Every structure is written in structure tokens, then in C-alpha cells.
Amino acid sequence: MEVIGLLAPIAFVFALAALAQIGALKKEVIGLKNEIELLKNGEDE
């Protein structure tokens, strides 16, 4: 049981890092969606 207690802070740090990566990935996807929309609008004209 002590091992689980020692691993909990490490798991917490990894979880925070994963959340930060998700936020960065979401921003990247939004940027790519905007770029695709701009390219689509340019082809229509």
C-alpha cells in the first residue's frame, strides 16, 4: 500500500502534463480548422 501512496504524486504530475498537452492540441486543431476554412473560401471565389 505504501507504493501506491508514493506513486500518487507522480501520477498527478503526469495527469497535469496530459491536460496541458490536450489544451495545446485543441488550439492546434482550431488553427487548422480556421486555415481549412480560409482555403475553402479562397477556392469558391
Protein backbone atom coordinates (compact mmCIF):
# COMPACT_ATOMS: atom_id res chain seq x y z
CA MET A 1 0.00 0.00 0.00
CA GLU A 2 2.90 2.36 0.62
CA VAL A 3 3.95 2.02 -3.01
CA ILE A 4 0.61 3.35 -4.22
CA GLY A 5 1.00 6.34 -1.93
CA LEU A 6 4.42 7.06 -3.37
CA LEU A 7 3.21 6.79 -6.96
CA ALA A 8 0.24 9.11 -6.49
CA PRO A 9 2.22 12.39 -6.78
CA ILE A 10 3.95 11.12 -9.93
CA ALA A 11 0.61 10.17 -11.46
CA PHE A 12 -0.73 13.61 -10.59
CA VAL A 13 2.18 15.30 -12.40
CA PHE A 14 1.63 13.12 -15.47
CA ALA A 15 -2.08 13.98 -15.42
CA LEU A 16 -1.32 17.70 -15.33
CA ALA A 17 1.12 17.32 -18.21
CA ALA A 18 -1.51 15.42 -20.21
CA LEU A 19 -4.06 18.18 -19.63
CA ALA A 20 -1.56 20.77 -20.84
CA GLN A 21 -0.92 18.72 -23.97
CA ILE A 22 -4.65 18.42 -24.62
CA GLY A 23 -5.00 22.19 -24.40
CA ALA A 24 -2.15 22.72 -26.85
CA LEU A 25 -3.59 20.13 -29.23
CA LYS A 26 -7.02 21.77 -29.09
CA LYS A 27 -5.50 25.14 -30.04
CA GLU A 28 -3.66 23.49 -32.94
CA VAL A 29 -6.85 21.83 -34.21
CA ILE A 30 -8.75 25.13 -34.05
CA GLY A 31 -5.97 26.83 -36.00
CA LEU A 32 -6.02 24.11 -38.66
CA LYS A 33 -9.82 24.32 -38.95
CA ASN A 34 -9.56 28.07 -39.50
CA GLU A 35 -6.87 27.55 -42.12
CA ILE A 36 -9.03 24.99 -43.96
CA GLU A 37 -11.97 27.39 -43.95
CA LEU A 38 -9.79 30.15 -45.39
CA LEU A 39 -8.59 27.82 -48.15
CA LYS A 40 -12.15 26.72 -48.93
CA ASN A 41 -13.35 30.32 -49.15
CA GLY A 42 -10.46 31.20 -51.45
CA GLU A 43 -11.38 28.43 -53.88
CA ASP A 44 -15.04 29.49 -54.04
CA GLU A 45 -14.24 32.96 -55.35
